[in-house]
Amino acid sequence: MLNLSENLKELMAERGLTQTSLAEAMNTCSSKMSSYITGKRAPNYDTFVALVEFFHCSADFLLGLKEYPCEEESYKPSQSFSERMRTILRETGTSQYLFIKQTKISWGVFYNWLTGKSKPSIDNLVRVAKYFDCSVDFILGRV
């Protein structure tokens, strides 16, 4: 998550945002934002999506998987993760069984994603993107 904190700092500096002003804009507390900025904690799925949409940048850039923020890209709003995951599985012809076997993501965790009871961690988002050999933005339905 070091890349996330470094890239978050870079985006904040470019826009002249302080930790406090970003926290206010994101409707969260300054201490939570501090933990993301210092790399002590990764944001949850919803906060991560809110950050990439707020900065209008690539999710892959924010995670350090891509070198440039791609702010000029035309991103769509992210889709429901459960719907997006079902679509990707269907379009790639990947069975749920094969996916959980090859990614080693537990059935319970995966089931909760599909039913919308939970959303993946940032690490699992990256894992899913690597499995499908695509960008995190694609997994989120932004491109």
N, C-alpha and C. Protein backbone atom coordinates (compact mmCIF):
# COMPACT_ATOMS: atom_id res chain seq x y z
N MET A 1 0.81 -1.21 0.00
CA MET A 1 0.00 0.00 0.00
C MET A 1 0.85 1.27 0.00
N LEU A 2 2.18 1.07 -0.01
CA LEU A 2 3.07 2.22 -0.05
C LEU A 2 2.84 3.04 -1.30
N ASN A 3 2.64 2.38 -2.45
CA ASN A 3 2.39 3.10 -3.69
C ASN A 3 1.09 3.90 -3.60
N LEU A 4 0.09 3.32 -2.97
CA LEU A 4 -1.18 4.02 -2.83
C LEU A 4 -0.97 5.31 -2.03
N SER A 5 -0.26 5.23 -0.93
CA SER A 5 -0.06 6.43 -0.11
C SER A 5 0.77 7.47 -0.87
N GLU A 6 1.81 7.03 -1.58
CA GLU A 6 2.64 7.97 -2.35
C GLU A 6 1.84 8.64 -3.46
N ASN A 7 1.05 7.86 -4.18
CA ASN A 7 0.26 8.43 -5.27
C ASN A 7 -0.87 9.32 -4.75
N LEU A 8 -1.41 8.96 -3.60
CA LEU A 8 -2.44 9.80 -2.98
C LEU A 8 -1.83 11.15 -2.59
N LYS A 9 -0.64 11.12 -2.01
CA LYS A 9 0.06 12.36 -1.66
C LYS A 9 0.33 13.20 -2.91
N GLU A 10 0.72 12.55 -4.00
CA GLU A 10 1.00 13.26 -5.24
C GLU A 10 -0.25 13.96 -5.78
N LEU A 11 -1.36 13.23 -5.78
CA LEU A 11 -2.61 13.82 -6.27
C LEU A 11 -3.08 14.97 -5.38
N MET A 12 -2.90 14.81 -4.08
CA MET A 12 -3.28 15.88 -3.16
C MET A 12 -2.42 17.12 -3.39
N ALA A 13 -1.12 16.92 -3.55
CA ALA A 13 -0.21 18.05 -3.76
C ALA A 13 -0.55 18.79 -5.05
N GLU A 14 -0.86 18.04 -6.12
CA GLU A 14 -1.22 18.65 -7.40
C GLU A 14 -2.45 19.53 -7.28
N ARG A 15 -3.33 19.19 -6.37
CA ARG A 15 -4.58 19.93 -6.22
C ARG A 15 -4.58 20.87 -5.01
N GLY A 16 -3.46 20.91 -4.32
CA GLY A 16 -3.34 21.79 -3.16
C GLY A 16 -4.24 21.38 -2.01
N LEU A 17 -4.45 20.09 -1.85
CA LEU A 17 -5.33 19.59 -0.79
C LEU A 17 -4.52 19.20 0.44
N THR A 18 -5.05 19.50 1.58
CA THR A 18 -4.46 19.03 2.83
C THR A 18 -5.21 17.77 3.24
N GLN A 19 -4.67 17.08 4.22
CA GLN A 19 -5.34 15.89 4.76
C GLN A 19 -6.74 16.25 5.24
N THR A 20 -6.85 17.37 5.91
CA THR A 20 -8.13 17.81 6.44
C THR A 20 -9.12 18.16 5.33
N SER A 21 -8.64 18.88 4.33
CA SER A 21 -9.56 19.27 3.25
C SER A 21 -10.01 18.06 2.43
N LEU A 22 -9.11 17.08 2.23
CA LEU A 22 -9.50 15.86 1.53
C LEU A 22 -10.49 15.07 2.36
N ALA A 23 -10.25 14.97 3.65
CA ALA A 23 -11.17 14.24 4.53
C ALA A 23 -12.56 14.88 4.49
N GLU A 24 -12.61 16.21 4.52
CA GLU A 24 -13.90 16.90 4.44
C GLU A 24 -14.58 16.64 3.10
N ALA A 25 -13.81 16.71 2.01
CA ALA A 25 -14.37 16.48 0.68
C ALA A 25 -14.88 15.05 0.53
N MET A 26 -14.22 14.11 1.22
CA MET A 26 -14.60 12.70 1.14
C MET A 26 -15.62 12.33 2.21
N ASN A 27 -15.99 13.30 3.03
CA ASN A 27 -16.96 13.09 4.10
C ASN A 27 -16.52 11.98 5.07
N THR A 28 -15.25 12.08 5.48
CA THR A 28 -14.71 11.12 6.45
C THR A 28 -13.86 11.89 7.45
N CYS A 29 -13.39 11.20 8.47
CA CYS A 29 -12.59 11.88 9.48
C CYS A 29 -11.12 11.96 9.05
N SER A 30 -10.46 12.96 9.56
CA SER A 30 -9.08 13.24 9.21
C SER A 30 -8.14 12.10 9.63
N SER A 31 -8.44 11.43 10.74
CA SER A 31 -7.56 10.35 11.20
C SER A 31 -7.60 9.15 10.24
N LYS A 32 -8.76 8.86 9.68
CA LYS A 32 -8.85 7.79 8.69
C LYS A 32 -8.02 8.16 7.46
N MET A 33 -8.19 9.39 7.01
CA MET A 33 -7.45 9.84 5.83
C MET A 33 -5.95 9.79 6.11
N SER A 34 -5.55 10.14 7.31
CA SER A 34 -4.15 10.10 7.69
C SER A 34 -3.59 8.68 7.57
N SER A 35 -4.37 7.69 7.98
CA SER A 35 -3.89 6.31 7.91
C SER A 35 -3.70 5.85 6.46
N TYR A 36 -4.48 6.39 5.53
CA TYR A 36 -4.30 6.05 4.11
C TYR A 36 -3.08 6.79 3.55
N ILE A 37 -2.94 8.05 3.94
CA ILE A 37 -1.85 8.87 3.43
C ILE A 37 -0.49 8.37 3.93
N THR A 38 -0.45 7.89 5.15
CA THR A 38 0.81 7.40 5.71
C THR A 38 1.08 5.94 5.35
N GLY A 39 0.10 5.28 4.77
CA GLY A 39 0.27 3.88 4.38
C GLY A 39 0.09 2.89 5.51
N LYS A 40 -0.45 3.36 6.63
CA LYS A 40 -0.68 2.47 7.77
C LYS A 40 -1.89 1.56 7.55
N ARG A 41 -2.78 2.01 6.69
CA ARG A 41 -4.02 1.27 6.46
C ARG A 41 -4.48 1.50 5.03
N ALA A 42 -5.06 0.49 4.45
CA ALA A 42 -5.62 0.62 3.11
C ALA A 42 -7.10 1.00 3.23
N PRO A 43 -7.57 1.82 2.32
CA PRO A 43 -9.00 2.15 2.35
C PRO A 43 -9.83 0.92 2.02
N ASN A 44 -11.07 0.91 2.47
CA ASN A 44 -11.96 -0.18 2.08
C ASN A 44 -12.40 0.05 0.64
N TYR A 45 -13.13 -0.87 0.10
CA TYR A 45 -13.56 -0.83 -1.30
C TYR A 45 -14.27 0.48 -1.64
N ASP A 46 -15.28 0.83 -0.84
CA ASP A 46 -16.07 2.02 -1.13
C ASP A 46 -15.23 3.30 -1.07
N THR A 47 -14.35 3.39 -0.09
CA THR A 47 -13.50 4.57 0.04
C THR A 47 -12.51 4.63 -1.12
N PHE A 48 -11.97 3.48 -1.50
CA PHE A 48 -11.04 3.44 -2.63
C PHE A 48 -11.73 3.93 -3.90
N VAL A 49 -12.92 3.42 -4.17
CA VAL A 49 -13.67 3.83 -5.36
C VAL A 49 -13.97 5.33 -5.28
N ALA A 50 -14.35 5.80 -4.11
CA ALA A 50 -14.62 7.23 -3.94
C ALA A 50 -13.38 8.07 -4.21
N LEU A 51 -12.21 7.59 -3.81
CA LEU A 51 -10.96 8.33 -4.05
C LEU A 51 -10.65 8.41 -5.54
N VAL A 52 -10.76 7.28 -6.27
CA VAL A 52 -10.44 7.34 -7.71
C VAL A 52 -11.46 8.19 -8.45
N GLU A 53 -12.70 8.17 -7.99
CA GLU A 53 -13.71 9.02 -8.64
C GLU A 53 -13.51 10.49 -8.28
N PHE A 54 -13.13 10.76 -7.04
CA PHE A 54 -12.87 12.14 -6.62
C PHE A 54 -11.72 12.74 -7.41
N PHE A 55 -10.63 11.98 -7.54
CA PHE A 55 -9.45 12.47 -8.25
C PHE A 55 -9.54 12.26 -9.76
N HIS A 56 -10.58 11.59 -10.20
CA HIS A 56 -10.77 11.27 -11.62
C HIS A 56 -9.47 10.72 -12.21
N CYS A 57 -8.97 9.66 -11.54
CA CYS A 57 -7.73 9.04 -11.99
C CYS A 57 -7.95 7.54 -12.13
N SER A 58 -6.98 6.90 -12.70
CA SER A 58 -7.03 5.45 -12.84
C SER A 58 -6.86 4.78 -11.49
N ALA A 59 -7.67 3.76 -11.24
CA ALA A 59 -7.51 2.96 -10.02
C ALA A 59 -6.14 2.30 -10.02
N ASP A 60 -5.70 1.89 -11.20
CA ASP A 60 -4.39 1.25 -11.32
C ASP A 60 -3.26 2.22 -10.99
N PHE A 61 -3.42 3.50 -11.34
CA PHE A 61 -2.42 4.49 -10.96
C PHE A 61 -2.39 4.66 -9.45
N LEU A 62 -3.54 4.82 -8.85
CA LEU A 62 -3.58 5.04 -7.40
C LEU A 62 -2.93 3.87 -6.65
N LEU A 63 -3.08 2.67 -7.19
CA LEU A 63 -2.47 1.49 -6.56
C LEU A 63 -1.00 1.31 -6.91
N GLY A 64 -0.49 2.12 -7.85
CA GLY A 64 0.90 1.99 -8.24
C GLY A 64 1.12 0.92 -9.30
N LEU A 65 0.06 0.48 -9.97
CA LEU A 65 0.16 -0.53 -11.01
C LEU A 65 0.37 0.09 -12.38
N LYS A 66 0.18 1.39 -12.46
CA LYS A 66 0.32 2.15 -13.69
C LYS A 66 1.08 3.42 -13.36
N GLU A 67 1.88 3.90 -14.28
CA GLU A 67 2.75 5.04 -14.00
C GLU A 67 2.05 6.39 -14.04
N TYR A 68 1.01 6.52 -14.85
CA TYR A 68 0.38 7.83 -15.03
C TYR A 68 -1.07 7.79 -14.56
N PRO A 69 -1.56 8.90 -14.02
CA PRO A 69 -2.93 8.92 -13.48
C PRO A 69 -4.04 8.78 -14.52
N CYS A 70 -3.76 9.08 -15.78
CA CYS A 70 -4.76 8.97 -16.86
C CYS A 70 -6.01 9.79 -16.57
N GLU A 71 -5.81 11.00 -16.10
CA GLU A 71 -6.95 11.86 -15.77
C GLU A 71 -7.73 12.27 -17.00
N GLU A 72 -7.08 12.19 -18.18
CA GLU A 72 -7.78 12.57 -19.40
C GLU A 72 -8.73 11.47 -19.89
N GLU A 73 -8.62 10.29 -19.32
CA GLU A 73 -9.50 9.18 -19.69
C GLU A 73 -10.94 9.52 -19.34
N SER A 74 -11.83 8.91 -20.07
CA SER A 74 -13.26 9.07 -19.77
C SER A 74 -13.71 7.83 -19.01
N TYR A 75 -13.78 7.94 -17.71
CA TYR A 75 -14.17 6.82 -16.87
C TYR A 75 -15.67 6.82 -16.63
N LYS A 76 -16.24 5.64 -16.63
CA LYS A 76 -17.64 5.49 -16.26
C LYS A 76 -17.70 5.37 -14.74
N PRO A 77 -18.85 5.65 -14.15
CA PRO A 77 -18.98 5.39 -12.71
C PRO A 77 -18.82 3.89 -12.47
N SER A 78 -18.22 3.53 -11.34
CA SER A 78 -18.02 2.12 -11.06
C SER A 78 -19.37 1.43 -10.92
N GLN A 79 -19.38 0.15 -11.25
CA GLN A 79 -20.61 -0.65 -11.18
C GLN A 79 -20.65 -1.40 -9.86
N SER A 80 -21.79 -1.96 -9.56
CA SER A 80 -21.91 -2.82 -8.39
C SER A 80 -20.92 -3.96 -8.56
N PHE A 81 -20.11 -4.23 -7.53
CA PHE A 81 -19.10 -5.27 -7.68
C PHE A 81 -19.73 -6.63 -7.93
N SER A 82 -20.82 -6.95 -7.25
CA SER A 82 -21.44 -8.26 -7.44
C SER A 82 -21.92 -8.42 -8.89
N GLU A 83 -22.53 -7.40 -9.44
CA GLU A 83 -22.99 -7.47 -10.83
C GLU A 83 -21.80 -7.55 -11.78
N ARG A 84 -20.78 -6.76 -11.52
CA ARG A 84 -19.61 -6.73 -12.39
C ARG A 84 -18.90 -8.08 -12.39
N MET A 85 -18.77 -8.69 -11.21
CA MET A 85 -18.10 -9.98 -11.10
C MET A 85 -18.87 -11.05 -11.88
N ARG A 86 -20.19 -11.04 -11.76
CA ARG A 86 -21.01 -12.00 -12.52
C ARG A 86 -20.84 -11.80 -14.02
N THR A 87 -20.81 -10.56 -14.46
CA THR A 87 -20.64 -10.25 -15.88
C THR A 87 -19.29 -10.75 -16.39
N ILE A 88 -18.23 -10.48 -15.63
CA ILE A 88 -16.89 -10.89 -16.05
C ILE A 88 -16.80 -12.41 -16.13
N LEU A 89 -17.35 -13.10 -15.13
CA LEU A 89 -17.33 -14.56 -15.16
C LEU A 89 -18.06 -15.09 -16.39
N ARG A 90 -19.22 -14.52 -16.66
CA ARG A 90 -20.02 -14.95 -17.81
C ARG A 90 -19.30 -14.66 -19.12
N GLU A 91 -18.77 -13.45 -19.27
CA GLU A 91 -18.11 -13.06 -20.52
C GLU A 91 -16.82 -13.83 -20.78
N THR A 92 -16.14 -14.25 -19.72
CA THR A 92 -14.90 -15.00 -19.90
C THR A 92 -15.13 -16.50 -19.90
N GLY A 93 -16.36 -16.91 -19.62
CA GLY A 93 -16.66 -18.34 -19.57
C GLY A 93 -15.99 -19.04 -18.40
N THR A 94 -15.76 -18.30 -17.32
CA THR A 94 -15.10 -18.84 -16.14
C THR A 94 -16.14 -19.29 -15.13
N SER A 95 -16.05 -20.52 -14.70
CA SER A 95 -16.99 -21.01 -13.68
C SER A 95 -16.58 -20.47 -12.32
N GLN A 96 -17.55 -20.40 -11.43
CA GLN A 96 -17.26 -19.95 -10.07
C GLN A 96 -16.27 -20.91 -9.42
N TYR A 97 -16.46 -22.21 -9.66
CA TYR A 97 -15.58 -23.22 -9.09
C TYR A 97 -14.14 -23.01 -9.55
N LEU A 98 -13.94 -22.82 -10.84
CA LEU A 98 -12.59 -22.62 -11.38
C LEU A 98 -11.96 -21.35 -10.80
N PHE A 99 -12.75 -20.29 -10.71
CA PHE A 99 -12.24 -19.02 -10.18
C PHE A 99 -11.73 -19.19 -8.76
N ILE A 100 -12.55 -19.77 -7.88
CA ILE A 100 -12.11 -19.88 -6.47
C ILE A 100 -10.97 -20.88 -6.32
N LYS A 101 -10.96 -21.92 -7.16
CA LYS A 101 -9.87 -22.90 -7.09
C LYS A 101 -8.55 -22.26 -7.51
N GLN A 102 -8.56 -21.49 -8.59
CA GLN A 102 -7.31 -20.92 -9.10
C GLN A 102 -6.85 -19.68 -8.35
N THR A 103 -7.77 -18.91 -7.80
CA THR A 103 -7.36 -17.71 -7.05
C THR A 103 -7.12 -17.99 -5.57
N LYS A 104 -7.61 -19.15 -5.11
CA LYS A 104 -7.52 -19.52 -3.70
C LYS A 104 -8.27 -18.53 -2.79
N ILE A 105 -9.29 -17.90 -3.34
CA ILE A 105 -10.19 -17.06 -2.55
C ILE A 105 -11.26 -18.00 -2.02
N SER A 106 -11.55 -17.92 -0.75
CA SER A 106 -12.49 -18.87 -0.16
C SER A 106 -13.89 -18.73 -0.77
N TRP A 107 -14.60 -19.85 -0.77
CA TRP A 107 -15.95 -19.84 -1.32
C TRP A 107 -16.84 -18.86 -0.56
N GLY A 108 -16.71 -18.80 0.77
CA GLY A 108 -17.53 -17.90 1.58
C GLY A 108 -17.32 -16.44 1.22
N VAL A 109 -16.07 -16.05 1.05
CA VAL A 109 -15.75 -14.67 0.67
C VAL A 109 -16.31 -14.38 -0.71
N PHE A 110 -16.07 -15.29 -1.65
CA PHE A 110 -16.55 -15.12 -3.02
C PHE A 110 -18.07 -15.06 -3.08
N TYR A 111 -18.73 -15.93 -2.33
CA TYR A 111 -20.20 -15.95 -2.27
C TYR A 111 -20.73 -14.60 -1.77
N ASN A 112 -20.09 -14.06 -0.75
CA ASN A 112 -20.52 -12.76 -0.22
C ASN A 112 -20.33 -11.64 -1.24
N TRP A 113 -19.30 -11.74 -2.08
CA TRP A 113 -19.13 -10.77 -3.16
C TRP A 113 -20.27 -10.87 -4.15
N LEU A 114 -20.58 -12.11 -4.56
CA LEU A 114 -21.61 -12.32 -5.58
C LEU A 114 -23.00 -11.91 -5.10
N THR A 115 -23.24 -12.06 -3.82
CA THR A 115 -24.55 -11.70 -3.28
C THR A 115 -24.62 -10.25 -2.81
N GLY A 116 -23.50 -9.55 -2.89
CA GLY A 116 -23.48 -8.15 -2.48
C GLY A 116 -23.39 -7.95 -0.98
N LYS A 117 -23.12 -9.02 -0.23
CA LYS A 117 -23.01 -8.90 1.23
C LYS A 117 -21.70 -8.25 1.65
N SER A 118 -20.69 -8.36 0.79
CA SER A 118 -19.41 -7.71 1.07
C SER A 118 -18.74 -7.37 -0.24
N LYS A 119 -17.68 -6.60 -0.13
CA LYS A 119 -16.90 -6.19 -1.30
C LYS A 119 -15.45 -6.55 -1.04
N PRO A 120 -14.68 -6.73 -2.09
CA PRO A 120 -13.29 -7.18 -1.89
C PRO A 120 -12.41 -6.10 -1.26
N SER A 121 -11.37 -6.58 -0.61
CA SER A 121 -10.32 -5.68 -0.13
C SER A 121 -9.55 -5.18 -1.35
N ILE A 122 -8.73 -4.19 -1.15
CA ILE A 122 -7.91 -3.66 -2.24
C ILE A 122 -6.98 -4.77 -2.76
N ASP A 123 -6.40 -5.54 -1.85
CA ASP A 123 -5.52 -6.64 -2.26
C ASP A 123 -6.27 -7.65 -3.12
N ASN A 124 -7.50 -7.97 -2.74
CA ASN A 124 -8.28 -8.92 -3.54
C ASN A 124 -8.71 -8.33 -4.88
N LEU A 125 -8.95 -7.03 -4.93
CA LEU A 125 -9.26 -6.40 -6.22
C LEU A 125 -8.09 -6.59 -7.19
N VAL A 126 -6.89 -6.39 -6.69
CA VAL A 126 -5.69 -6.56 -7.51
C VAL A 126 -5.55 -8.03 -7.93
N ARG A 127 -5.82 -8.92 -7.00
CA ARG A 127 -5.76 -10.36 -7.28
C ARG A 127 -6.73 -10.76 -8.39
N VAL A 128 -7.94 -10.24 -8.33
CA VAL A 128 -8.95 -10.53 -9.36
C VAL A 128 -8.50 -9.98 -10.71
N ALA A 129 -7.97 -8.76 -10.72
CA ALA A 129 -7.49 -8.16 -11.97
C ALA A 129 -6.35 -8.98 -12.57
N LYS A 130 -5.44 -9.43 -11.73
CA LYS A 130 -4.33 -10.27 -12.22
C LYS A 130 -4.86 -11.58 -12.78
N TYR A 131 -5.83 -12.17 -12.10
CA TYR A 131 -6.40 -13.44 -12.57
C TYR A 131 -6.98 -13.28 -13.98
N PHE A 132 -7.72 -12.21 -14.19
CA PHE A 132 -8.34 -11.99 -15.49
C PHE A 132 -7.43 -11.24 -16.46
N ASP A 133 -6.21 -10.93 -16.03
CA ASP A 133 -5.23 -10.22 -16.84
C ASP A 133 -5.81 -8.92 -17.42
N CYS A 134 -6.30 -8.10 -16.51
CA CYS A 134 -6.91 -6.84 -16.91
C CYS A 134 -6.62 -5.79 -15.85
N SER A 135 -7.10 -4.59 -16.08
CA SER A 135 -6.87 -3.51 -15.13
C SER A 135 -7.90 -3.56 -13.99
N VAL A 136 -7.55 -2.93 -12.88
CA VAL A 136 -8.49 -2.80 -11.77
C VAL A 136 -9.68 -1.94 -12.23
N ASP A 137 -9.40 -0.95 -13.07
CA ASP A 137 -10.49 -0.12 -13.61
C ASP A 137 -11.50 -0.97 -14.38
N PHE A 138 -11.03 -1.97 -15.10
CA PHE A 138 -11.93 -2.88 -15.82
C PHE A 138 -12.77 -3.68 -14.83
N ILE A 139 -12.13 -4.19 -13.78
CA ILE A 139 -12.84 -4.96 -12.76
C ILE A 139 -13.93 -4.10 -12.11
N LEU A 140 -13.64 -2.82 -11.91
CA LEU A 140 -14.62 -1.91 -11.32
C LEU A 140 -15.70 -1.48 -12.31
N GLY A 141 -15.51 -1.79 -13.59
CA GLY A 141 -16.47 -1.40 -14.63
C GLY A 141 -16.33 0.05 -15.05
N ARG A 142 -15.16 0.64 -14.79
CA ARG A 142 -14.95 2.06 -15.12
C ARG A 142 -14.51 2.27 -16.55
N VAL A 143 -13.98 1.23 -17.20
CA VAL A 143 -13.53 1.35 -18.59
C VAL A 143 -14.22 0.30 -19.45
